[in-house]
Amino acid sequence: MKTIIVPTDFSPTATNAMHYAIQMAKQIKANLLLVHVYQVPVSYTDAPIVLVSVDELRKAAEARMQTLKEEVEHLVHKEQKVYTETILGNVVDELENVCKKIKPFAVVMGTKGATGLERVLFGSNTLMAIRHLNWPVICVPPGKKYGAGIKKIGFACDYEKVVASTPTPFIKDLVKTFGAELHVLNINQDGKERSEEIPEQSILLQTLLGDLKPEFHFIQHKDIEDGINDFAIRNELDLVITIPKKHSLVERIFRETSSKQLIYHGNVPIACVHE
């Protein structure tokens, strides 16, 4: 069975992402692995002071995870397994170690918390996970529900070196797993000429994804992120796949000054997967 990894810090945003992952796991009959990574709080005065013992932290974290596991087990089918990992360390480093062992279908994370601190910590961890994990990271906006499932998937493509950069196996697995429609979209910023290579790259992409029968959309919009978000909303996409090449798109998606950040303020989950 496939496994979905769900990191949690027990915040409302993480809990919402967990419920999204539960419904996704039920649809595709996947197991769930709940992961909580904790750190030792330290007060810095003249010298660092550990505020609580590691043993106390571990016991408290394990107790919360056990309670969470029991709650989740009541929400999934009997044949689905729910596992937990409670780890002391750095969130992204430990997630990477878990992913290497489990080889998950995806890592499902929230994008920010309700409080300012949650926005800084959990939002930052999500961005770092996108940057460093070699497994798909699905970012769930605050309050987003799974609803009727994933029926329409968008793939934001810049048509640059598509054979080398397109995560074809993941896209095919994702679309076929959900039995979804695939929409390939390219945003052309106003005033910019399209690359002469796009027709050739488009043909190559059609060859790569042809068995999925994708629909191709070429869109004019002055802002790439807003263009993706507007298309996703108008066409009722349930998920958008992006490739964080050199992290540039992801950096802009997470930019605090953006008017319609795909991840922080959009209402469409984003699946980030590397080339």
C-alpha atoms as a PDB file:
ATOM      1  CA  MET A   1       0.000   0.000   0.000  1.00  0.00           C
ATOM      2  CA  LYS A   2       1.017   3.583  -0.536  1.00  0.00           C
ATOM      3  CA  THR A   3       1.960   5.635   2.511  1.00  0.00           C
ATOM      4  CA  ILE A   4       1.220   9.308   3.125  1.00  0.00           C
ATOM      5  CA  ILE A   5       3.458  11.090   5.633  1.00  0.00           C
ATOM      6  CA  VAL A   6       1.795  13.806   7.712  1.00  0.00           C
ATOM      7  CA  PRO A   7       4.072  16.043   9.813  1.00  0.00           C
ATOM      8  CA  THR A   8       2.299  17.698  12.724  1.00  0.00           C
ATOM      9  CA  ASP A   9       3.072  20.286  15.369  1.00  0.00           C
ATOM     10  CA  PHE A  10      -0.503  19.918  16.710  1.00  0.00           C
ATOM     11  CA  SER A  11      -1.417  23.418  15.489  1.00  0.00           C
ATOM     12  CA  PRO A  12      -4.813  24.082  13.845  1.00  0.00           C
ATOM     13  CA  THR A  13      -3.141  24.290  10.433  1.00  0.00           C
ATOM     14  CA  ALA A  14      -1.326  20.990  10.887  1.00  0.00           C
ATOM     15  CA  THR A  15      -4.524  19.371  12.119  1.00  0.00           C
ATOM     16  CA  ASN A  16      -6.436  20.636   9.079  1.00  0.00           C
ATOM     17  CA  ALA A  17      -3.749  19.221   6.767  1.00  0.00           C
ATOM     18  CA  MET A  18      -3.941  15.929   8.661  1.00  0.00           C
ATOM     19  CA  HIS A  19      -7.699  15.662   8.052  1.00  0.00           C
ATOM     20  CA  TYR A  20      -7.103  16.456   4.375  1.00  0.00           C
ATOM     21  CA  ALA A  21      -4.523  13.647   4.282  1.00  0.00           C
ATOM     22  CA  ILE A  22      -6.914  11.256   6.054  1.00  0.00           C
ATOM     23  CA  GLN A  23      -9.567  11.740   3.373  1.00  0.00           C
ATOM     24  CA  MET A  24      -6.978  11.400   0.613  1.00  0.00           C
ATOM     25  CA  ALA A  25      -5.666   8.189   2.194  1.00  0.00           C
ATOM     26  CA  LYS A  26      -9.198   6.786   2.415  1.00  0.00           C
ATOM     27  CA  GLN A  27      -9.813   7.485  -1.265  1.00  0.00           C
ATOM     28  CA  ILE A  28      -6.632   5.793  -2.474  1.00  0.00           C
ATOM     29  CA  LYS A  29      -6.491   3.183   0.321  1.00  0.00           C
ATOM     30  CA  ALA A  30      -3.130   4.374   1.664  1.00  0.00           C
ATOM     31  CA  ASN A  31      -1.543   4.024   5.091  1.00  0.00           C
ATOM     32  CA  LEU A  32      -0.732   7.081   7.194  1.00  0.00           C
ATOM     33  CA  LEU A  33       2.450   7.945   9.067  1.00  0.00           C
ATOM     34  CA  LEU A  34       2.056  10.823  11.533  1.00  0.00           C
ATOM     35  CA  VAL A  35       5.380  12.482  12.341  1.00  0.00           C
ATOM     36  CA  HIS A  36       6.089  14.908  15.176  1.00  0.00           C
ATOM     37  CA  VAL A  37       9.571  16.380  15.436  1.00  0.00           C
ATOM     38  CA  TYR A  38      10.252  18.250  18.659  1.00  0.00           C
ATOM     39  CA  GLN A  39      13.144  20.378  19.857  1.00  0.00           C
ATOM     40  CA  VAL A  40      14.488  21.221  23.293  1.00  0.00           C
ATOM     41  CA  PRO A  41      13.468  24.791  24.243  1.00  0.00           C
ATOM     42  CA  VAL A  42      16.443  26.857  25.352  1.00  0.00           C
ATOM     43  CA  SER A  43      16.518  30.243  27.092  1.00  0.00           C
ATOM     44  CA  TYR A  44      19.490  32.410  26.152  1.00  0.00           C
ATOM     45  CA  THR A  45      20.662  34.693  28.942  1.00  0.00           C
ATOM     46  CA  ASP A  46      24.344  34.860  29.851  1.00  0.00           C
ATOM     47  CA  ALA A  47      24.478  31.143  29.106  1.00  0.00           C
ATOM     48  CA  PRO A  48      22.008  28.820  27.388  1.00  0.00           C
ATOM     49  CA  ILE A  49      19.582  27.191  29.833  1.00  0.00           C
ATOM     50  CA  VAL A  50      17.490  24.147  28.917  1.00  0.00           C
ATOM     51  CA  LEU A  51      13.952  24.939  30.088  1.00  0.00           C
ATOM     52  CA  VAL A  52      12.693  21.356  30.302  1.00  0.00           C
ATOM     53  CA  SER A  53      14.323  17.934  30.261  1.00  0.00           C
ATOM     54  CA  VAL A  54      14.502  15.888  27.063  1.00  0.00           C
ATOM     55  CA  ASP A  55      12.812  12.982  28.847  1.00  0.00           C
ATOM     56  CA  GLU A  56       9.844  15.147  29.833  1.00  0.00           C
ATOM     57  CA  LEU A  57       9.539  16.455  26.288  1.00  0.00           C
ATOM     58  CA  ARG A  58       9.681  12.952  24.845  1.00  0.00           C
ATOM     59  CA  LYS A  59       7.023  11.594  27.204  1.00  0.00           C
ATOM     60  CA  ALA A  60       4.694  14.540  26.541  1.00  0.00           C
ATOM     61  CA  ALA A  61       5.150  14.271  22.769  1.00  0.00           C
ATOM     62  CA  GLU A  62       4.600  10.517  22.724  1.00  0.00           C
ATOM     63  CA  ALA A  63       1.445  10.870  24.842  1.00  0.00           C
ATOM     64  CA  ARG A  64      -0.002  13.443  22.437  1.00  0.00           C
ATOM     65  CA  MET A  65       0.886  11.308  19.426  1.00  0.00           C
ATOM     66  CA  GLN A  66      -0.729   8.227  20.960  1.00  0.00           C
ATOM     67  CA  THR A  67      -3.934  10.186  21.534  1.00  0.00           C
ATOM     68  CA  LEU A  68      -3.785  11.511  17.971  1.00  0.00           C
ATOM     69  CA  LYS A  69      -3.195   8.038  16.553  1.00  0.00           C
ATOM     70  CA  GLU A  70      -6.260   6.661  18.352  1.00  0.00           C
ATOM     71  CA  GLU A  71      -8.377   9.518  16.980  1.00  0.00           C
ATOM     72  CA  VAL A  72      -7.168   8.936  13.414  1.00  0.00           C
ATOM     73  CA  GLU A  73      -7.690   5.171  13.601  1.00  0.00           C
ATOM     74  CA  HIS A  74     -11.391   5.825  14.164  1.00  0.00           C
ATOM     75  CA  LEU A  75     -11.535   7.875  10.949  1.00  0.00           C
ATOM     76  CA  VAL A  76      -9.908   5.461   8.471  1.00  0.00           C
ATOM     77  CA  HIS A  77     -10.913   2.083   7.081  1.00  0.00           C
ATOM     78  CA  LYS A  78      -9.984  -1.031   9.050  1.00  0.00           C
ATOM     79  CA  GLU A  79      -7.487  -2.211   6.440  1.00  0.00           C
ATOM     80  CA  GLN A  80      -5.557   1.059   6.646  1.00  0.00           C
ATOM     81  CA  LYS A  81      -2.671   1.300   9.082  1.00  0.00           C
ATOM     82  CA  VAL A  82      -1.819   4.390  11.125  1.00  0.00           C
ATOM     83  CA  TYR A  83       1.770   4.706  12.315  1.00  0.00           C
ATOM     84  CA  THR A  84       3.492   7.395  14.375  1.00  0.00           C
ATOM     85  CA  GLU A  85       7.025   8.690  14.758  1.00  0.00           C
ATOM     86  CA  THR A  86       8.059  11.048  17.548  1.00  0.00           C
ATOM     87  CA  ILE A  87      11.581  12.348  17.013  1.00  0.00           C
ATOM     88  CA  LEU A  88      13.950  14.821  18.637  1.00  0.00           C
ATOM     89  CA  GLY A  89      15.778  16.894  16.039  1.00  0.00           C
ATOM     90  CA  ASN A  90      15.467  19.250  13.100  1.00  0.00           C
ATOM     91  CA  VAL A  91      12.109  19.016  11.327  1.00  0.00           C
ATOM     92  CA  VAL A  92      13.325  18.841   7.729  1.00  0.00           C
ATOM     93  CA  ASP A  93      16.350  16.639   8.458  1.00  0.00           C
ATOM     94  CA  GLU A  94      14.203  14.125  10.311  1.00  0.00           C
ATOM     95  CA  LEU A  95      11.502  14.224   7.632  1.00  0.00           C
ATOM     96  CA  GLU A  96      14.137  13.477   5.035  1.00  0.00           C
ATOM     97  CA  ASN A  97      15.362  10.485   7.041  1.00  0.00           C
ATOM     98  CA  VAL A  98      11.809   9.163   7.406  1.00  0.00           C
ATOM     99  CA  CYS A  99      11.120   9.646   3.685  1.00  0.00           C
ATOM    100  CA  LYS A 100      14.243   7.699   2.750  1.00  0.00           C
ATOM    101  CA  LYS A 101      12.988   4.750   4.800  1.00  0.00           C
ATOM    102  CA  ILE A 102       9.315   4.911   3.840  1.00  0.00           C
ATOM    103  CA  LYS A 103       9.471   6.243   0.241  1.00  0.00           C
ATOM    104  CA  PRO A 104       6.045   7.881   0.617  1.00  0.00           C
ATOM    105  CA  PHE A 105       3.434   8.629  -2.003  1.00  0.00           C
ATOM    106  CA  ALA A 106       3.549  12.207  -0.698  1.00  0.00           C
ATOM    107  CA  VAL A 107       4.214  14.375   2.346  1.00  0.00           C
ATOM    108  CA  VAL A 108       1.113  16.394   3.247  1.00  0.00           C
ATOM    109  CA  MET A 109       1.722  19.594   5.236  1.00  0.00           C
ATOM    110  CA  GLY A 110      -0.166  22.694   6.298  1.00  0.00           C
ATOM    111  CA  THR A 111       1.100  26.027   5.064  1.00  0.00           C
ATOM    112  CA  LYS A 112       0.793  28.307   8.062  1.00  0.00           C
ATOM    113  CA  GLY A 113      -0.752  28.495  11.467  1.00  0.00           C
ATOM    114  CA  ALA A 114      -3.420  30.785  12.830  1.00  0.00           C
ATOM    115  CA  THR A 115      -0.986  32.696  15.031  1.00  0.00           C
ATOM    116  CA  GLY A 116       2.011  34.784  14.041  1.00  0.00           C
ATOM    117  CA  LEU A 117       4.386  32.246  15.581  1.00  0.00           C
ATOM    118  CA  GLU A 118       2.768  29.370  13.680  1.00  0.00           C
ATOM    119  CA  ARG A 119       3.098  31.329  10.439  1.00  0.00           C
ATOM    120  CA  VAL A 120       6.823  31.749  11.045  1.00  0.00           C
ATOM    121  CA  LEU A 121       7.559  28.213  12.247  1.00  0.00           C
ATOM    122  CA  PHE A 122       5.241  25.918  10.313  1.00  0.00           C
ATOM    123  CA  GLY A 123       5.292  28.023   7.153  1.00  0.00           C
ATOM    124  CA  SER A 124       9.080  28.064   7.280  1.00  0.00           C
ATOM    125  CA  ASN A 125       9.268  24.300   7.786  1.00  0.00           C
ATOM    126  CA  THR A 126       6.971  23.743   4.806  1.00  0.00           C
ATOM    127  CA  LEU A 127       9.158  25.914   2.592  1.00  0.00           C
ATOM    128  CA  MET A 128      12.294  24.133   3.792  1.00  0.00           C
ATOM    129  CA  ALA A 129      10.655  20.767   3.148  1.00  0.00           C
ATOM    130  CA  ILE A 130       9.822  21.817  -0.414  1.00  0.00           C
ATOM    131  CA  ARG A 131      13.405  22.932  -0.956  1.00  0.00           C
ATOM    132  CA  HIS A 132      15.121  19.856   0.410  1.00  0.00           C
ATOM    133  CA  LEU A 133      12.876  16.799   0.207  1.00  0.00           C
ATOM    134  CA  ASN A 134      13.115  14.685  -2.931  1.00  0.00           C
ATOM    135  CA  TRP A 135       9.566  13.435  -2.419  1.00  0.00           C
ATOM    136  CA  PRO A 136       6.371  15.270  -3.382  1.00  0.00           C
ATOM    137  CA  VAL A 137       5.192  17.777  -0.779  1.00  0.00           C
ATOM    138  CA  ILE A 138       1.483  18.645  -0.922  1.00  0.00           C
ATOM    139  CA  CYS A 139       0.809  21.999   0.744  1.00  0.00           C
ATOM    140  CA  VAL A 140      -2.711  22.395   2.129  1.00  0.00           C
ATOM    141  CA  PRO A 141      -4.035  25.954   2.615  1.00  0.00           C
ATOM    142  CA  PRO A 142      -5.610  26.839   5.971  1.00  0.00           C
ATOM    143  CA  GLY A 143      -9.190  25.639   6.222  1.00  0.00           C
ATOM    144  CA  LYS A 144      -9.062  23.685   2.953  1.00  0.00           C
ATOM    145  CA  LYS A 145     -11.221  20.553   3.019  1.00  0.00           C
ATOM    146  CA  TYR A 146     -10.736  17.475   0.843  1.00  0.00           C
ATOM    147  CA  GLY A 147     -14.347  17.562  -0.254  1.00  0.00           C
ATOM    148  CA  ALA A 148     -15.292  15.264  -3.129  1.00  0.00           C
ATOM    149  CA  GLY A 149     -11.669  14.363  -3.807  1.00  0.00           C
ATOM    150  CA  ILE A 150      -9.125  15.192  -6.493  1.00  0.00           C
ATOM    151  CA  LYS A 151     -10.788  15.218  -9.902  1.00  0.00           C
ATOM    152  CA  LYS A 152      -8.906  17.976 -11.739  1.00  0.00           C
ATOM    153  CA  ILE A 153      -5.133  18.410 -11.506  1.00  0.00           C
ATOM    154  CA  GLY A 154      -3.166  21.311 -12.962  1.00  0.00           C
ATOM    155  CA  PHE A 155       0.501  21.152 -13.952  1.00  0.00           C
ATOM    156  CA  ALA A 156       2.255  24.528 -14.185  1.00  0.00           C
ATOM    157  CA  CYS A 157       4.942  24.159 -16.849  1.00  0.00           C
ATOM    158  CA  ASP A 158       7.431  26.677 -18.238  1.00  0.00           C
ATOM    159  CA  TYR A 159       8.289  24.472 -21.252  1.00  0.00           C
ATOM    160  CA  GLU A 160      12.026  24.532 -20.566  1.00  0.00           C
ATOM    161  CA  LYS A 161      13.860  21.227 -21.067  1.00  0.00           C
ATOM    162  CA  VAL A 162      10.654  19.298 -20.410  1.00  0.00           C
ATOM    163  CA  VAL A 163      12.168  15.838 -20.880  1.00  0.00           C
ATOM    164  CA  ALA A 164      14.751  16.427 -18.161  1.00  0.00           C
ATOM    165  CA  SER A 165      12.650  18.593 -15.845  1.00  0.00           C
ATOM    166  CA  THR A 166       9.167  17.052 -15.918  1.00  0.00           C
ATOM    167  CA  PRO A 167       8.534  14.597 -13.037  1.00  0.00           C
ATOM    168  CA  THR A 168       6.680  12.303 -15.448  1.00  0.00           C
ATOM    169  CA  PRO A 169       6.420   9.183 -13.207  1.00  0.00           C
ATOM    170  CA  PHE A 170       4.954  11.201 -10.338  1.00  0.00           C
ATOM    171  CA  ILE A 171       2.457  13.041 -12.550  1.00  0.00           C
ATOM    172  CA  LYS A 172       1.306   9.794 -14.167  1.00  0.00           C
ATOM    173  CA  ASP A 173       1.014   8.013 -10.824  1.00  0.00           C
ATOM    174  CA  LEU A 174      -0.893  10.930  -9.292  1.00  0.00           C
ATOM    175  CA  VAL A 175      -3.350  11.370 -12.172  1.00  0.00           C
ATOM    176  CA  LYS A 176      -4.004   7.638 -12.549  1.00  0.00           C
ATOM    177  CA  THR A 177      -4.305   7.064  -8.799  1.00  0.00           C
ATOM    178  CA  PHE A 178      -7.115   9.611  -8.562  1.00  0.00           C
ATOM    179  CA  GLY A 179      -8.556   9.011 -12.026  1.00  0.00           C
ATOM    180  CA  ALA A 180      -8.286  12.764 -12.546  1.00  0.00           C
ATOM    181  CA  GLU A 181      -8.219  15.121 -15.524  1.00  0.00           C
ATOM    182  CA  LEU A 182      -4.843  16.741 -16.235  1.00  0.00           C
ATOM    183  CA  HIS A 183      -4.577  20.381 -17.309  1.00  0.00           C
ATOM    184  CA  VAL A 184      -1.145  21.662 -18.385  1.00  0.00           C
ATOM    185  CA  LEU A 185      -0.873  25.425 -18.046  1.00  0.00           C
ATOM    186  CA  ASN A 186       1.773  27.879 -19.126  1.00  0.00           C
ATOM    187  CA  ILE A 187       1.644  31.497 -17.986  1.00  0.00           C
ATOM    188  CA  ASN A 188       3.076  34.102 -20.343  1.00  0.00           C
ATOM    189  CA  GLN A 189       3.681  37.416 -18.632  1.00  0.00           C
ATOM    190  CA  ASP A 190       2.277  40.370 -20.562  1.00  0.00           C
ATOM    191  CA  GLY A 191       4.677  41.970 -22.998  1.00  0.00           C
ATOM    192  CA  LYS A 192       7.007  38.987 -23.210  1.00  0.00           C
ATOM    193  CA  GLU A 193       7.422  36.998 -26.390  1.00  0.00           C
ATOM    194  CA  ARG A 194       7.015  33.268 -26.069  1.00  0.00           C
ATOM    195  CA  SER A 195      10.167  31.233 -26.511  1.00  0.00           C
ATOM    196  CA  GLU A 196      10.724  29.830 -29.995  1.00  0.00           C
ATOM    197  CA  GLU A 197      11.360  26.473 -28.333  1.00  0.00           C
ATOM    198  CA  ILE A 198       7.842  26.185 -26.893  1.00  0.00           C
ATOM    199  CA  PRO A 199       6.265  24.401 -29.910  1.00  0.00           C
ATOM    200  CA  GLU A 200       9.020  21.761 -29.869  1.00  0.00           C
ATOM    201  CA  GLN A 201       8.896  21.418 -26.069  1.00  0.00           C
ATOM    202  CA  SER A 202       5.105  21.217 -26.216  1.00  0.00           C
ATOM    203  CA  ILE A 203       5.282  18.262 -28.608  1.00  0.00           C
ATOM    204  CA  LEU A 204       7.792  16.539 -26.337  1.00  0.00           C
ATOM    205  CA  LEU A 205       5.524  17.087 -23.335  1.00  0.00           C
ATOM    206  CA  GLN A 206       2.547  15.679 -25.236  1.00  0.00           C
ATOM    207  CA  THR A 207       4.662  12.604 -25.970  1.00  0.00           C
ATOM    208  CA  LEU A 208       5.594  12.229 -22.284  1.00  0.00           C
ATOM    209  CA  LEU A 209       2.060  12.660 -20.962  1.00  0.00           C
ATOM    210  CA  GLY A 210       0.002  11.606 -23.964  1.00  0.00           C
ATOM    211  CA  ASP A 211      -1.614   8.565 -22.348  1.00  0.00           C
ATOM    212  CA  LEU A 212      -3.150  10.893 -19.724  1.00  0.00           C
ATOM    213  CA  LYS A 213      -4.907  12.883 -22.485  1.00  0.00           C
ATOM    214  CA  PRO A 214      -4.032  16.270 -20.943  1.00  0.00           C
ATOM    215  CA  GLU A 215      -5.577  19.580 -21.960  1.00  0.00           C
ATOM    216  CA  PHE A 216      -3.075  22.347 -22.729  1.00  0.00           C
ATOM    217  CA  HIS A 217      -3.656  25.994 -21.795  1.00  0.00           C
ATOM    218  CA  PHE A 218      -1.502  29.003 -22.763  1.00  0.00           C
ATOM    219  CA  ILE A 219      -2.432  31.994 -20.631  1.00  0.00           C
ATOM    220  CA  GLN A 220      -1.507  35.667 -20.719  1.00  0.00           C
ATOM    221  CA  HIS A 221      -1.096  37.175 -17.250  1.00  0.00           C
ATOM    222  CA  LYS A 222       1.191  39.843 -15.825  1.00  0.00           C
ATOM    223  CA  ASP A 223       1.960  37.738 -12.733  1.00  0.00           C
ATOM    224  CA  ILE A 224       2.791  34.011 -12.867  1.00  0.00           C
ATOM    225  CA  GLU A 225       1.476  33.133  -9.408  1.00  0.00           C
ATOM    226  CA  ASP A 226      -1.732  35.116  -9.806  1.00  0.00           C
ATOM    227  CA  GLY A 227      -2.229  33.615 -13.269  1.00  0.00           C
ATOM    228  CA  ILE A 228      -1.945  30.068 -11.904  1.00  0.00           C
ATOM    229  CA  ASN A 229      -4.246  30.876  -8.999  1.00  0.00           C
ATOM    230  CA  ASP A 230      -6.869  32.553 -11.216  1.00  0.00           C
ATOM    231  CA  PHE A 231      -6.867  29.618 -13.641  1.00  0.00           C
ATOM    232  CA  ALA A 232      -7.133  27.123 -10.783  1.00  0.00           C
ATOM    233  CA  ILE A 233     -10.124  28.929  -9.290  1.00  0.00           C
ATOM    234  CA  ARG A 234     -11.942  29.492 -12.612  1.00  0.00           C
ATOM    235  CA  ASN A 235     -11.463  25.880 -13.698  1.00  0.00           C
ATOM    236  CA  GLU A 236     -12.099  24.390 -10.247  1.00  0.00           C
ATOM    237  CA  LEU A 237      -8.780  22.573 -10.025  1.00  0.00           C
ATOM    238  CA  ASP A 238      -8.363  20.417  -6.938  1.00  0.00           C
ATOM    239  CA  LEU A 239      -4.555  20.368  -6.987  1.00  0.00           C
ATOM    240  CA  VAL A 240      -1.753  22.178  -8.827  1.00  0.00           C
ATOM    241  CA  ILE A 241       1.651  20.577  -9.477  1.00  0.00           C
ATOM    242  CA  THR A 242       4.663  22.890  -9.559  1.00  0.00           C
ATOM    243  CA  ILE A 243       8.364  22.194 -10.074  1.00  0.00           C
ATOM    244  CA  PRO A 244      10.437  24.394  -7.753  1.00  0.00           C
ATOM    245  CA  LYS A 245      13.306  24.914 -10.201  1.00  0.00           C
ATOM    246  CA  LYS A 246      16.111  26.621  -8.319  1.00  0.00           C
ATOM    247  CA  HIS A 247      13.397  27.443  -5.766  1.00  0.00           C
ATOM    248  CA  SER A 248      12.493  30.635  -7.660  1.00  0.00           C
ATOM    249  CA  LEU A 249       8.785  29.873  -8.053  1.00  0.00           C
ATOM    250  CA  VAL A 250       8.525  28.611  -4.498  1.00  0.00           C
ATOM    251  CA  GLU A 251      10.293  31.716  -3.191  1.00  0.00           C
ATOM    252  CA  ARG A 252       7.735  33.891  -4.993  1.00  0.00           C
ATOM    253  CA  ILE A 253       4.814  31.737  -3.883  1.00  0.00           C
ATOM    254  CA  PHE A 254       5.859  32.225  -0.257  1.00  0.00           C
ATOM    255  CA  ARG A 255       6.642  35.922  -0.701  1.00  0.00           C
ATOM    256  CA  GLU A 256       4.820  37.934   1.973  1.00  0.00           C
ATOM    257  CA  THR A 257       4.262  40.866  -0.410  1.00  0.00           C
ATOM    258  CA  SER A 258       2.416  38.859  -3.067  1.00  0.00           C
ATOM    259  CA  SER A 259      -1.237  39.796  -3.433  1.00  0.00           C
ATOM    260  CA  LYS A 260      -2.443  36.239  -4.072  1.00  0.00           C
ATOM    261  CA  GLN A 261       0.202  33.849  -2.864  1.00  0.00           C
ATOM    262  CA  LEU A 262      -0.627  30.384  -4.113  1.00  0.00           C
ATOM    263  CA  ILE A 263       0.273  28.727  -0.858  1.00  0.00           C
ATOM    264  CA  TYR A 264      -0.333  31.302   1.861  1.00  0.00           C
ATOM    265  CA  HIS A 265      -3.558  32.797   0.531  1.00  0.00           C
ATOM    266  CA  GLY A 266      -4.696  30.542  -2.289  1.00  0.00           C
ATOM    267  CA  ASN A 267      -7.372  27.967  -1.723  1.00  0.00           C
ATOM    268  CA  VAL A 268      -5.919  25.272  -3.972  1.00  0.00           C
ATOM    269  CA  PRO A 269      -3.461  22.706  -2.563  1.00  0.00           C
ATOM    270  CA  ILE A 270      -0.047  22.777  -4.248  1.00  0.00           C
ATOM    271  CA  ALA A 271       2.039  19.662  -4.962  1.00  0.00           C
ATOM    272  CA  CYS A 272       5.719  20.600  -5.190  1.00  0.00           C
ATOM    273  CA  VAL A 273       7.940  17.962  -6.776  1.00  0.00           C
ATOM    274  CA  HIS A 274      11.516  18.296  -8.007  1.00  0.00           C
ATOM    275  CA  GLU A 275      12.765  17.624 -11.517  1.00  0.00           C
END
